N, C-alpha and C. Protein backbone atom coordinates (compact mmCIF):
# COMPACT_ATOMS: atom_id res chain seq x y z
N MET A 1 -2.99 -56.27 -69.46
CA MET A 1 -3.57 -54.93 -69.56
C MET A 1 -2.42 -53.94 -69.57
N ALA A 2 -2.62 -52.82 -70.22
CA ALA A 2 -1.60 -51.79 -70.37
C ALA A 2 -1.10 -51.28 -69.03
N SER A 3 0.13 -50.83 -69.01
CA SER A 3 0.73 -50.32 -67.79
C SER A 3 1.85 -49.36 -68.14
N ASN A 4 2.20 -48.51 -67.19
CA ASN A 4 3.37 -47.67 -67.41
C ASN A 4 4.62 -48.52 -67.41
N THR A 5 5.61 -48.07 -68.16
CA THR A 5 6.90 -48.74 -68.18
C THR A 5 7.98 -47.68 -68.17
N VAL A 6 9.17 -48.08 -67.72
CA VAL A 6 10.35 -47.24 -67.80
C VAL A 6 11.35 -48.01 -68.64
N SER A 7 11.73 -47.45 -69.79
CA SER A 7 12.65 -48.15 -70.69
C SER A 7 14.08 -48.02 -70.18
N SER A 8 14.98 -48.75 -70.82
CA SER A 8 16.39 -48.74 -70.39
C SER A 8 17.02 -47.36 -70.53
N ASP A 9 16.48 -46.50 -71.42
CA ASP A 9 17.02 -45.14 -71.54
C ASP A 9 16.34 -44.15 -70.60
N GLY A 10 15.44 -44.67 -69.74
CA GLY A 10 14.78 -43.82 -68.75
C GLY A 10 13.48 -43.20 -69.20
N THR A 11 13.07 -43.43 -70.45
CA THR A 11 11.80 -42.89 -70.93
C THR A 11 10.65 -43.56 -70.19
N ILE A 12 9.73 -42.74 -69.70
CA ILE A 12 8.56 -43.26 -69.00
C ILE A 12 7.38 -43.22 -69.95
N LEU A 13 6.77 -44.37 -70.17
CA LEU A 13 5.55 -44.46 -70.95
C LEU A 13 4.39 -44.43 -69.98
N ARG A 14 3.60 -43.38 -70.01
CA ARG A 14 2.42 -43.26 -69.15
C ARG A 14 1.24 -43.74 -69.97
N ASP A 15 0.79 -44.95 -69.67
CA ASP A 15 -0.26 -45.58 -70.44
C ASP A 15 -1.58 -45.42 -69.70
N ALA A 16 -2.39 -44.48 -70.16
CA ALA A 16 -3.63 -44.12 -69.46
C ALA A 16 -4.77 -45.09 -69.71
N ARG A 17 -4.55 -46.14 -70.49
CA ARG A 17 -5.65 -47.04 -70.83
C ARG A 17 -6.18 -47.82 -69.64
N SER A 18 -5.38 -47.99 -68.58
CA SER A 18 -5.88 -48.76 -67.44
C SER A 18 -5.42 -48.22 -66.10
N ARG A 19 -4.65 -47.18 -66.05
CA ARG A 19 -4.00 -46.75 -64.81
C ARG A 19 -4.96 -46.38 -63.69
N TYR A 20 -6.17 -45.99 -64.01
CA TYR A 20 -7.11 -45.56 -62.97
C TYR A 20 -8.00 -46.68 -62.45
N ARG A 21 -7.90 -47.87 -62.99
CA ARG A 21 -8.69 -48.99 -62.49
C ARG A 21 -8.19 -49.40 -61.12
N ALA A 22 -9.11 -49.73 -60.22
CA ALA A 22 -8.74 -50.05 -58.83
C ALA A 22 -7.69 -51.14 -58.76
N ALA A 23 -7.83 -52.19 -59.54
CA ALA A 23 -6.88 -53.30 -59.48
C ALA A 23 -5.46 -52.83 -59.79
N LYS A 24 -5.32 -51.87 -60.69
CA LYS A 24 -3.99 -51.35 -61.05
C LYS A 24 -3.48 -50.38 -59.97
N ARG A 25 -4.34 -49.48 -59.49
CA ARG A 25 -3.94 -48.48 -58.47
C ARG A 25 -3.57 -49.13 -57.15
N GLU A 26 -4.20 -50.26 -56.83
CA GLU A 26 -4.05 -50.89 -55.53
C GLU A 26 -3.12 -52.11 -55.55
N GLU A 27 -2.58 -52.43 -56.72
CA GLU A 27 -1.76 -53.62 -56.89
C GLU A 27 -0.62 -53.68 -55.86
N SER A 28 -0.49 -54.80 -55.20
CA SER A 28 0.57 -55.04 -54.21
C SER A 28 0.58 -53.99 -53.10
N GLY A 29 -0.60 -53.45 -52.78
CA GLY A 29 -0.70 -52.47 -51.69
C GLY A 29 -0.25 -51.07 -52.06
N ALA A 30 -0.13 -50.78 -53.36
CA ALA A 30 0.32 -49.45 -53.80
C ALA A 30 -0.66 -48.38 -53.36
N HIS A 31 -0.15 -47.20 -53.13
CA HIS A 31 -0.94 -46.07 -52.70
C HIS A 31 -1.30 -45.16 -53.87
N GLY A 32 -1.61 -45.73 -54.99
CA GLY A 32 -2.04 -44.98 -56.17
C GLY A 32 -1.36 -45.48 -57.43
N ALA A 33 -1.81 -44.93 -58.55
CA ALA A 33 -1.35 -45.39 -59.86
C ALA A 33 0.15 -45.21 -60.05
N PHE A 34 0.69 -44.06 -59.69
CA PHE A 34 2.11 -43.81 -59.91
C PHE A 34 2.97 -44.83 -59.17
N GLU A 35 2.65 -45.08 -57.90
CA GLU A 35 3.44 -46.03 -57.11
C GLU A 35 3.36 -47.43 -57.72
N ALA A 36 2.17 -47.86 -58.09
CA ALA A 36 2.00 -49.19 -58.66
C ALA A 36 2.76 -49.32 -59.98
N GLU A 37 2.63 -48.33 -60.84
CA GLU A 37 3.29 -48.37 -62.15
C GLU A 37 4.80 -48.35 -62.02
N THR A 38 5.29 -47.52 -61.13
CA THR A 38 6.74 -47.40 -60.97
C THR A 38 7.32 -48.70 -60.42
N LYS A 39 6.65 -49.30 -59.45
CA LYS A 39 7.09 -50.60 -58.92
C LYS A 39 7.06 -51.67 -60.00
N ARG A 40 5.98 -51.67 -60.79
CA ARG A 40 5.81 -52.67 -61.84
C ARG A 40 6.95 -52.57 -62.85
N SER A 41 7.50 -51.38 -63.04
CA SER A 41 8.60 -51.18 -63.98
C SER A 41 9.96 -51.50 -63.38
N GLY A 42 9.97 -51.90 -62.11
CA GLY A 42 11.23 -52.25 -61.48
C GLY A 42 11.95 -51.07 -60.85
N GLU A 43 11.32 -49.91 -60.84
CA GLU A 43 11.90 -48.72 -60.22
C GLU A 43 11.37 -48.58 -58.80
N ALA A 44 12.02 -47.76 -58.01
CA ALA A 44 11.59 -47.49 -56.64
C ALA A 44 10.84 -46.16 -56.61
N PRO A 45 9.51 -46.20 -56.39
CA PRO A 45 8.75 -44.95 -56.35
C PRO A 45 8.91 -44.25 -55.00
N ARG A 46 8.86 -42.95 -55.05
CA ARG A 46 8.87 -42.15 -53.82
C ARG A 46 8.13 -40.86 -54.11
N SER A 47 7.38 -40.41 -53.13
CA SER A 47 6.68 -39.13 -53.27
C SER A 47 6.89 -38.31 -52.02
N GLU A 48 7.15 -37.04 -52.22
CA GLU A 48 7.17 -36.08 -51.13
C GLU A 48 5.84 -35.35 -51.22
N VAL A 49 5.06 -35.38 -50.15
CA VAL A 49 3.68 -34.88 -50.17
C VAL A 49 3.52 -33.75 -49.17
N GLU A 50 2.85 -32.70 -49.60
CA GLU A 50 2.42 -31.62 -48.72
C GLU A 50 0.92 -31.47 -48.90
N VAL A 51 0.19 -31.43 -47.79
CA VAL A 51 -1.26 -31.28 -47.84
C VAL A 51 -1.61 -30.00 -47.09
N SER A 52 -2.48 -29.20 -47.70
CA SER A 52 -2.90 -27.95 -47.08
C SER A 52 -4.30 -27.60 -47.53
N SER A 53 -4.84 -26.57 -46.92
CA SER A 53 -6.07 -25.97 -47.41
C SER A 53 -5.67 -24.69 -48.11
N GLY A 54 -6.31 -24.40 -49.21
CA GLY A 54 -5.98 -23.20 -49.96
C GLY A 54 -6.95 -23.01 -51.09
N SER A 55 -6.61 -22.11 -51.97
CA SER A 55 -7.46 -21.89 -53.14
C SER A 55 -6.76 -22.45 -54.37
N ALA A 56 -7.54 -22.75 -55.36
CA ALA A 56 -7.02 -23.29 -56.62
C ALA A 56 -6.80 -22.15 -57.61
N PRO A 57 -5.90 -22.33 -58.57
CA PRO A 57 -5.79 -21.35 -59.64
C PRO A 57 -7.15 -21.18 -60.33
N ALA A 58 -7.38 -20.04 -60.94
CA ALA A 58 -8.70 -19.70 -61.50
C ALA A 58 -9.24 -20.77 -62.45
N ASP A 59 -8.40 -21.29 -63.35
CA ASP A 59 -8.88 -22.28 -64.30
C ASP A 59 -9.29 -23.58 -63.60
N ILE A 60 -8.58 -23.95 -62.57
CA ILE A 60 -8.91 -25.17 -61.85
C ILE A 60 -10.14 -24.96 -60.97
N ALA A 61 -10.25 -23.79 -60.33
CA ALA A 61 -11.46 -23.48 -59.56
C ALA A 61 -12.69 -23.57 -60.45
N SER A 62 -12.58 -23.05 -61.66
CA SER A 62 -13.69 -23.11 -62.60
C SER A 62 -14.04 -24.56 -62.93
N ALA A 63 -13.03 -25.39 -63.18
CA ALA A 63 -13.28 -26.80 -63.48
C ALA A 63 -13.91 -27.52 -62.30
N LEU A 64 -13.51 -27.14 -61.08
CA LEU A 64 -14.08 -27.75 -59.87
C LEU A 64 -15.51 -27.27 -59.60
N GLY A 65 -15.88 -26.16 -60.25
CA GLY A 65 -17.20 -25.59 -60.01
C GLY A 65 -17.28 -24.83 -58.69
N VAL A 66 -16.13 -24.29 -58.26
CA VAL A 66 -16.11 -23.49 -57.03
C VAL A 66 -15.72 -22.06 -57.37
N ASP A 67 -16.06 -21.15 -56.49
CA ASP A 67 -15.70 -19.75 -56.68
C ASP A 67 -14.20 -19.58 -56.54
N ALA A 68 -13.65 -18.62 -57.29
CA ALA A 68 -12.25 -18.27 -57.12
C ALA A 68 -12.03 -17.90 -55.66
N GLY A 69 -10.99 -18.41 -55.07
CA GLY A 69 -10.70 -18.14 -53.66
C GLY A 69 -11.35 -19.11 -52.70
N ALA A 70 -12.26 -19.97 -53.18
CA ALA A 70 -12.90 -20.95 -52.30
C ALA A 70 -11.84 -21.91 -51.76
N GLU A 71 -12.02 -22.33 -50.52
CA GLU A 71 -11.06 -23.23 -49.90
C GLU A 71 -11.25 -24.65 -50.44
N VAL A 72 -10.14 -25.26 -50.83
CA VAL A 72 -10.11 -26.65 -51.29
C VAL A 72 -8.93 -27.34 -50.60
N VAL A 73 -8.91 -28.65 -50.66
CA VAL A 73 -7.74 -29.40 -50.20
C VAL A 73 -6.73 -29.39 -51.34
N VAL A 74 -5.49 -29.09 -51.02
CA VAL A 74 -4.41 -29.04 -52.00
C VAL A 74 -3.37 -30.09 -51.61
N ARG A 75 -3.14 -31.03 -52.51
CA ARG A 75 -2.14 -32.08 -52.30
C ARG A 75 -1.02 -31.87 -53.32
N ALA A 76 0.11 -31.32 -52.87
CA ALA A 76 1.25 -31.06 -53.75
C ALA A 76 2.27 -32.17 -53.57
N ARG A 77 2.64 -32.81 -54.69
CA ARG A 77 3.57 -33.93 -54.63
C ARG A 77 4.74 -33.75 -55.57
N ARG A 78 5.89 -34.19 -55.10
CA ARG A 78 7.09 -34.33 -55.93
C ARG A 78 7.28 -35.84 -56.05
N MET A 79 7.26 -36.34 -57.29
CA MET A 79 7.21 -37.79 -57.50
C MET A 79 8.50 -38.26 -58.18
N PHE A 80 9.09 -39.29 -57.59
CA PHE A 80 10.39 -39.78 -58.01
C PHE A 80 10.31 -41.22 -58.49
N ALA A 81 11.13 -41.54 -59.49
CA ALA A 81 11.43 -42.92 -59.88
C ALA A 81 12.88 -43.12 -59.52
N GLY A 82 13.12 -43.89 -58.46
CA GLY A 82 14.47 -43.96 -57.90
C GLY A 82 14.82 -42.60 -57.32
N ASP A 83 15.98 -42.10 -57.69
CA ASP A 83 16.40 -40.78 -57.20
C ASP A 83 16.01 -39.65 -58.15
N ARG A 84 15.39 -39.99 -59.27
CA ARG A 84 15.09 -39.00 -60.30
C ARG A 84 13.69 -38.42 -60.10
N LEU A 85 13.61 -37.10 -59.93
CA LEU A 85 12.33 -36.42 -59.87
C LEU A 85 11.75 -36.43 -61.28
N VAL A 86 10.57 -37.04 -61.44
CA VAL A 86 10.01 -37.20 -62.78
C VAL A 86 8.74 -36.38 -63.00
N GLN A 87 8.09 -35.95 -61.91
CA GLN A 87 6.92 -35.10 -62.10
C GLN A 87 6.55 -34.38 -60.82
N LEU A 88 5.88 -33.26 -61.04
CA LEU A 88 5.25 -32.51 -59.96
C LEU A 88 3.76 -32.67 -60.19
N ALA A 89 3.02 -32.99 -59.15
CA ALA A 89 1.57 -33.19 -59.31
C ALA A 89 0.87 -32.50 -58.15
N THR A 90 -0.08 -31.64 -58.48
CA THR A 90 -0.87 -30.97 -57.45
C THR A 90 -2.33 -31.26 -57.70
N SER A 91 -2.96 -31.84 -56.68
CA SER A 91 -4.39 -32.17 -56.74
C SER A 91 -5.18 -31.13 -55.96
N TYR A 92 -6.32 -30.77 -56.50
CA TYR A 92 -7.24 -29.83 -55.87
C TYR A 92 -8.56 -30.57 -55.68
N ILE A 93 -9.02 -30.63 -54.42
CA ILE A 93 -10.18 -31.44 -54.07
C ILE A 93 -11.20 -30.55 -53.38
N PRO A 94 -12.43 -30.49 -53.91
CA PRO A 94 -13.44 -29.60 -53.31
C PRO A 94 -13.83 -30.04 -51.90
N SER A 95 -14.33 -29.09 -51.13
CA SER A 95 -14.64 -29.35 -49.71
C SER A 95 -15.68 -30.45 -49.53
N PHE A 96 -16.67 -30.58 -50.43
CA PHE A 96 -17.67 -31.62 -50.24
C PHE A 96 -17.04 -33.01 -50.29
N VAL A 97 -15.98 -33.15 -51.06
CA VAL A 97 -15.28 -34.44 -51.14
C VAL A 97 -14.50 -34.68 -49.84
N ALA A 98 -13.79 -33.65 -49.38
CA ALA A 98 -13.01 -33.78 -48.15
C ALA A 98 -13.90 -34.08 -46.95
N GLN A 99 -15.12 -33.56 -46.95
CA GLN A 99 -16.05 -33.86 -45.86
C GLN A 99 -16.52 -35.31 -45.92
N ALA A 100 -16.78 -35.81 -47.12
CA ALA A 100 -17.25 -37.18 -47.28
C ALA A 100 -16.13 -38.21 -47.14
N ALA A 101 -14.92 -37.82 -47.56
CA ALA A 101 -13.77 -38.73 -47.55
C ALA A 101 -12.58 -38.02 -46.90
N PRO A 102 -12.59 -37.86 -45.58
CA PRO A 102 -11.55 -37.06 -44.91
C PRO A 102 -10.12 -37.54 -45.16
N ALA A 103 -9.93 -38.80 -45.51
CA ALA A 103 -8.58 -39.33 -45.74
C ALA A 103 -7.89 -38.64 -46.92
N VAL A 104 -8.65 -37.97 -47.81
CA VAL A 104 -8.00 -37.29 -48.94
C VAL A 104 -7.12 -36.14 -48.46
N ALA A 105 -7.31 -35.69 -47.23
CA ALA A 105 -6.52 -34.60 -46.66
C ALA A 105 -5.39 -35.11 -45.78
N GLU A 106 -5.17 -36.42 -45.75
CA GLU A 106 -4.08 -37.00 -44.97
C GLU A 106 -2.84 -37.13 -45.85
N LEU A 107 -1.66 -37.15 -45.21
CA LEU A 107 -0.43 -37.35 -45.98
C LEU A 107 -0.44 -38.73 -46.63
N ASP A 108 -0.80 -39.75 -45.87
CA ASP A 108 -0.86 -41.12 -46.38
C ASP A 108 -2.32 -41.47 -46.59
N THR A 109 -2.72 -41.57 -47.85
CA THR A 109 -4.13 -41.83 -48.17
C THR A 109 -4.44 -43.31 -48.28
N GLY A 110 -3.46 -44.17 -48.03
CA GLY A 110 -3.70 -45.60 -48.01
C GLY A 110 -3.70 -46.24 -49.38
N VAL A 111 -3.96 -47.53 -49.39
CA VAL A 111 -3.92 -48.33 -50.61
C VAL A 111 -4.89 -47.75 -51.64
N GLY A 112 -4.38 -47.52 -52.84
CA GLY A 112 -5.19 -47.00 -53.94
C GLY A 112 -5.25 -45.49 -54.00
N GLY A 113 -4.80 -44.80 -52.95
CA GLY A 113 -4.75 -43.34 -52.96
C GLY A 113 -6.11 -42.68 -52.88
N ILE A 114 -6.15 -41.40 -53.25
CA ILE A 114 -7.37 -40.60 -53.08
C ILE A 114 -8.54 -41.11 -53.91
N ILE A 115 -8.25 -41.69 -55.06
CA ILE A 115 -9.35 -42.18 -55.90
C ILE A 115 -10.09 -43.32 -55.17
N SER A 116 -9.34 -44.18 -54.48
CA SER A 116 -9.99 -45.25 -53.71
C SER A 116 -10.76 -44.70 -52.52
N ARG A 117 -10.21 -43.68 -51.85
CA ARG A 117 -10.92 -43.10 -50.71
C ARG A 117 -12.22 -42.44 -51.17
N MET A 118 -12.19 -41.78 -52.30
CA MET A 118 -13.41 -41.16 -52.84
C MET A 118 -14.44 -42.24 -53.16
N SER A 119 -14.00 -43.31 -53.79
CA SER A 119 -14.90 -44.39 -54.15
C SER A 119 -15.57 -44.98 -52.91
N GLU A 120 -14.80 -45.21 -51.86
CA GLU A 120 -15.36 -45.75 -50.62
C GLU A 120 -16.41 -44.82 -50.01
N ALA A 121 -16.29 -43.52 -50.28
CA ALA A 121 -17.24 -42.54 -49.74
C ALA A 121 -18.42 -42.31 -50.67
N GLY A 122 -18.55 -43.14 -51.71
CA GLY A 122 -19.66 -42.98 -52.65
C GLY A 122 -19.43 -41.95 -53.72
N LEU A 123 -18.16 -41.57 -53.93
CA LEU A 123 -17.82 -40.56 -54.93
C LEU A 123 -16.85 -41.14 -55.96
N ALA A 124 -17.17 -42.33 -56.44
CA ALA A 124 -16.30 -43.00 -57.41
C ALA A 124 -16.20 -42.19 -58.70
N GLN A 125 -14.99 -42.15 -59.23
CA GLN A 125 -14.79 -41.51 -60.52
C GLN A 125 -15.22 -42.49 -61.61
N SER A 126 -16.24 -42.09 -62.36
CA SER A 126 -16.71 -42.96 -63.44
C SER A 126 -16.12 -42.55 -64.78
N SER A 127 -15.61 -41.34 -64.86
CA SER A 127 -14.94 -40.90 -66.09
C SER A 127 -13.88 -39.87 -65.74
N VAL A 128 -12.92 -39.77 -66.62
CA VAL A 128 -11.79 -38.86 -66.44
C VAL A 128 -11.55 -38.16 -67.77
N VAL A 129 -11.28 -36.88 -67.70
CA VAL A 129 -10.83 -36.13 -68.87
C VAL A 129 -9.42 -35.66 -68.57
N GLU A 130 -8.51 -35.90 -69.49
CA GLU A 130 -7.14 -35.43 -69.32
C GLU A 130 -6.79 -34.52 -70.49
N ASP A 131 -6.50 -33.28 -70.16
CA ASP A 131 -6.05 -32.30 -71.15
C ASP A 131 -4.53 -32.25 -71.09
N VAL A 132 -3.89 -32.46 -72.23
CA VAL A 132 -2.44 -32.44 -72.32
C VAL A 132 -2.05 -31.20 -73.11
N GLU A 133 -1.14 -30.43 -72.53
CA GLU A 133 -0.69 -29.22 -73.21
C GLU A 133 0.73 -28.90 -72.76
N GLN A 134 1.35 -27.99 -73.46
CA GLN A 134 2.65 -27.48 -73.05
C GLN A 134 2.40 -26.19 -72.29
N ARG A 135 3.11 -26.03 -71.18
CA ARG A 135 3.03 -24.81 -70.38
C ARG A 135 4.45 -24.38 -70.04
N PRO A 136 4.69 -23.08 -70.00
CA PRO A 136 6.03 -22.64 -69.62
C PRO A 136 6.31 -22.96 -68.15
N ALA A 137 7.50 -23.45 -67.89
CA ALA A 137 7.91 -23.79 -66.53
C ALA A 137 8.02 -22.53 -65.69
N THR A 138 7.43 -22.57 -64.50
CA THR A 138 7.62 -21.49 -63.54
C THR A 138 9.05 -21.59 -62.99
N GLU A 139 9.48 -20.58 -62.27
CA GLU A 139 10.81 -20.62 -61.64
C GLU A 139 10.93 -21.85 -60.73
N GLU A 140 9.89 -22.10 -59.93
CA GLU A 140 9.90 -23.23 -58.99
C GLU A 140 9.96 -24.56 -59.74
N GLN A 141 9.14 -24.71 -60.78
CA GLN A 141 9.14 -25.95 -61.56
C GLN A 141 10.48 -26.15 -62.25
N ALA A 142 11.03 -25.08 -62.80
CA ALA A 142 12.31 -25.16 -63.50
C ALA A 142 13.41 -25.62 -62.55
N ALA A 143 13.45 -25.04 -61.35
CA ALA A 143 14.48 -25.42 -60.38
C ALA A 143 14.33 -26.89 -59.99
N ALA A 144 13.11 -27.33 -59.78
CA ALA A 144 12.87 -28.71 -59.35
C ALA A 144 13.21 -29.71 -60.45
N LEU A 145 12.80 -29.40 -61.68
CA LEU A 145 12.92 -30.37 -62.78
C LEU A 145 14.19 -30.19 -63.62
N GLY A 146 15.02 -29.22 -63.27
CA GLY A 146 16.30 -29.05 -63.95
C GLY A 146 16.19 -28.51 -65.37
N VAL A 147 15.25 -27.60 -65.58
CA VAL A 147 15.09 -26.96 -66.89
C VAL A 147 15.16 -25.45 -66.70
N GLN A 148 15.11 -24.73 -67.80
CA GLN A 148 15.12 -23.27 -67.74
C GLN A 148 13.71 -22.75 -67.48
N ALA A 149 13.60 -21.71 -66.68
CA ALA A 149 12.30 -21.06 -66.48
C ALA A 149 11.76 -20.63 -67.85
N GLY A 150 10.50 -20.88 -68.08
CA GLY A 150 9.88 -20.54 -69.36
C GLY A 150 9.94 -21.66 -70.39
N GLU A 151 10.80 -22.66 -70.16
CA GLU A 151 10.87 -23.79 -71.08
C GLU A 151 9.52 -24.51 -71.04
N HIS A 152 9.04 -24.92 -72.19
CA HIS A 152 7.74 -25.59 -72.24
C HIS A 152 7.84 -27.03 -71.76
N LEU A 153 6.97 -27.37 -70.83
CA LEU A 153 6.89 -28.72 -70.29
C LEU A 153 5.51 -29.29 -70.57
N LEU A 154 5.45 -30.60 -70.74
CA LEU A 154 4.15 -31.24 -70.87
C LEU A 154 3.44 -31.21 -69.54
N THR A 155 2.16 -30.86 -69.60
CA THR A 155 1.32 -30.94 -68.41
C THR A 155 0.08 -31.74 -68.77
N ILE A 156 -0.40 -32.45 -67.78
CA ILE A 156 -1.65 -33.20 -67.91
C ILE A 156 -2.57 -32.65 -66.83
N THR A 157 -3.72 -32.16 -67.23
CA THR A 157 -4.72 -31.72 -66.26
C THR A 157 -5.81 -32.78 -66.24
N HIS A 158 -5.83 -33.52 -65.14
CA HIS A 158 -6.74 -34.65 -64.94
C HIS A 158 -7.97 -34.14 -64.20
N THR A 159 -9.14 -34.36 -64.76
CA THR A 159 -10.40 -33.98 -64.10
C THR A 159 -11.22 -35.25 -63.94
N GLY A 160 -11.53 -35.57 -62.67
CA GLY A 160 -12.28 -36.78 -62.36
C GLY A 160 -13.74 -36.46 -62.08
N TYR A 161 -14.65 -37.20 -62.73
CA TYR A 161 -16.09 -36.99 -62.63
C TYR A 161 -16.78 -38.21 -62.04
N THR A 162 -17.79 -37.96 -61.21
CA THR A 162 -18.64 -39.03 -60.73
C THR A 162 -19.67 -39.35 -61.81
N GLU A 163 -20.40 -40.42 -61.63
CA GLU A 163 -21.41 -40.81 -62.62
C GLU A 163 -22.46 -39.72 -62.83
N ASP A 164 -22.76 -38.95 -61.78
CA ASP A 164 -23.76 -37.88 -61.93
C ASP A 164 -23.14 -36.55 -62.37
N GLY A 165 -21.86 -36.58 -62.80
CA GLY A 165 -21.24 -35.40 -63.40
C GLY A 165 -20.54 -34.45 -62.45
N ARG A 166 -20.47 -34.79 -61.17
CA ARG A 166 -19.75 -33.91 -60.24
C ARG A 166 -18.25 -34.09 -60.39
N VAL A 167 -17.54 -32.97 -60.34
CA VAL A 167 -16.08 -33.01 -60.39
C VAL A 167 -15.58 -33.22 -58.96
N VAL A 168 -14.79 -34.28 -58.76
CA VAL A 168 -14.30 -34.60 -57.43
C VAL A 168 -12.81 -34.33 -57.25
N GLU A 169 -12.12 -34.08 -58.33
CA GLU A 169 -10.71 -33.68 -58.23
C GLU A 169 -10.25 -33.13 -59.57
N VAL A 170 -9.31 -32.21 -59.48
CA VAL A 170 -8.53 -31.79 -60.64
C VAL A 170 -7.08 -31.86 -60.21
N THR A 171 -6.29 -32.60 -60.98
CA THR A 171 -4.87 -32.73 -60.69
C THR A 171 -4.08 -32.24 -61.89
N ARG A 172 -3.12 -31.37 -61.62
CA ARG A 172 -2.22 -30.91 -62.69
C ARG A 172 -0.88 -31.59 -62.49
N HIS A 173 -0.52 -32.41 -63.48
CA HIS A 173 0.77 -33.10 -63.50
C HIS A 173 1.71 -32.30 -64.40
N THR A 174 2.86 -31.94 -63.90
CA THR A 174 3.89 -31.28 -64.70
C THR A 174 5.03 -32.28 -64.84
N LEU A 175 5.30 -32.68 -66.07
CA LEU A 175 6.22 -33.78 -66.33
C LEU A 175 7.63 -33.28 -66.60
N GLY A 176 8.60 -33.97 -66.04
CA GLY A 176 9.99 -33.70 -66.37
C GLY A 176 10.31 -34.24 -67.76
N SER A 177 11.56 -34.28 -68.11
CA SER A 177 11.93 -34.79 -69.44
C SER A 177 11.76 -36.30 -69.50
N GLY A 178 11.60 -36.81 -70.71
CA GLY A 178 11.60 -38.24 -70.91
C GLY A 178 10.27 -38.95 -70.73
N TRP A 179 9.18 -38.30 -71.08
CA TRP A 179 7.86 -38.94 -70.98
C TRP A 179 7.27 -39.16 -72.36
N ARG A 180 6.48 -40.21 -72.47
CA ARG A 180 5.65 -40.47 -73.65
C ARG A 180 4.28 -40.84 -73.10
N LEU A 181 3.24 -40.31 -73.72
CA LEU A 181 1.86 -40.55 -73.25
C LEU A 181 1.13 -41.45 -74.23
N ARG A 182 0.28 -42.35 -73.68
CA ARG A 182 -0.50 -43.24 -74.53
C ARG A 182 -1.94 -43.25 -74.03
N TYR A 183 -2.86 -43.08 -74.98
CA TYR A 183 -4.29 -43.11 -74.69
C TYR A 183 -4.96 -44.04 -75.69
N GLU A 184 -6.14 -44.49 -75.34
CA GLU A 184 -6.95 -45.30 -76.25
C GLU A 184 -8.33 -44.68 -76.35
N VAL A 185 -8.83 -44.58 -77.56
CA VAL A 185 -10.13 -43.98 -77.78
C VAL A 185 -11.05 -45.02 -78.41
N PRO A 186 -12.14 -45.40 -77.72
CA PRO A 186 -13.08 -46.34 -78.33
C PRO A 186 -13.73 -45.71 -79.56
N LEU A 187 -13.85 -46.46 -80.63
CA LEU A 187 -14.40 -45.92 -81.87
C LEU A 187 -15.75 -46.52 -82.23
N GLY A 188 -16.31 -47.31 -81.39
CA GLY A 188 -17.57 -47.90 -81.79
C GLY A 188 -18.56 -48.10 -80.72
């Protein structure tokens, strides 16, 4: 089955065809897809995590179906392959999810990460929409990822839906240099 890889030149192939399946996210005790994929590629994954309560940006609040300014769980991560910072990822989780699956607000969310904790609480993600676009780097993103402020970076906005259509998370991934994305679309 498809998996992320890191080539000899450091290019990261993010293969979305299977990364969210439990077996892939939880492989060898990994705490989520990124950790499992990075280990599988022979790299050493590391994440610096900050968890807080706060509000989401307006577009993300709208996707979550919450009012602007509503309190959500915010999980901000700096994600490394070896010593190289490769992405910034911030997850926004609505309060009903945090109440049902309190571990999503912990620094260490355990094997499989927040998606597994949601599933255990009866809020399994049955579908995901990922919007990929270029966004200008903020000053903070530029400093972290070693680019110029305003330089366009690839971003992936991941929206996870339950079978009944509820949005249980929106995560914005801001990618450093050297990424390639792969998706598969069923045609029949």
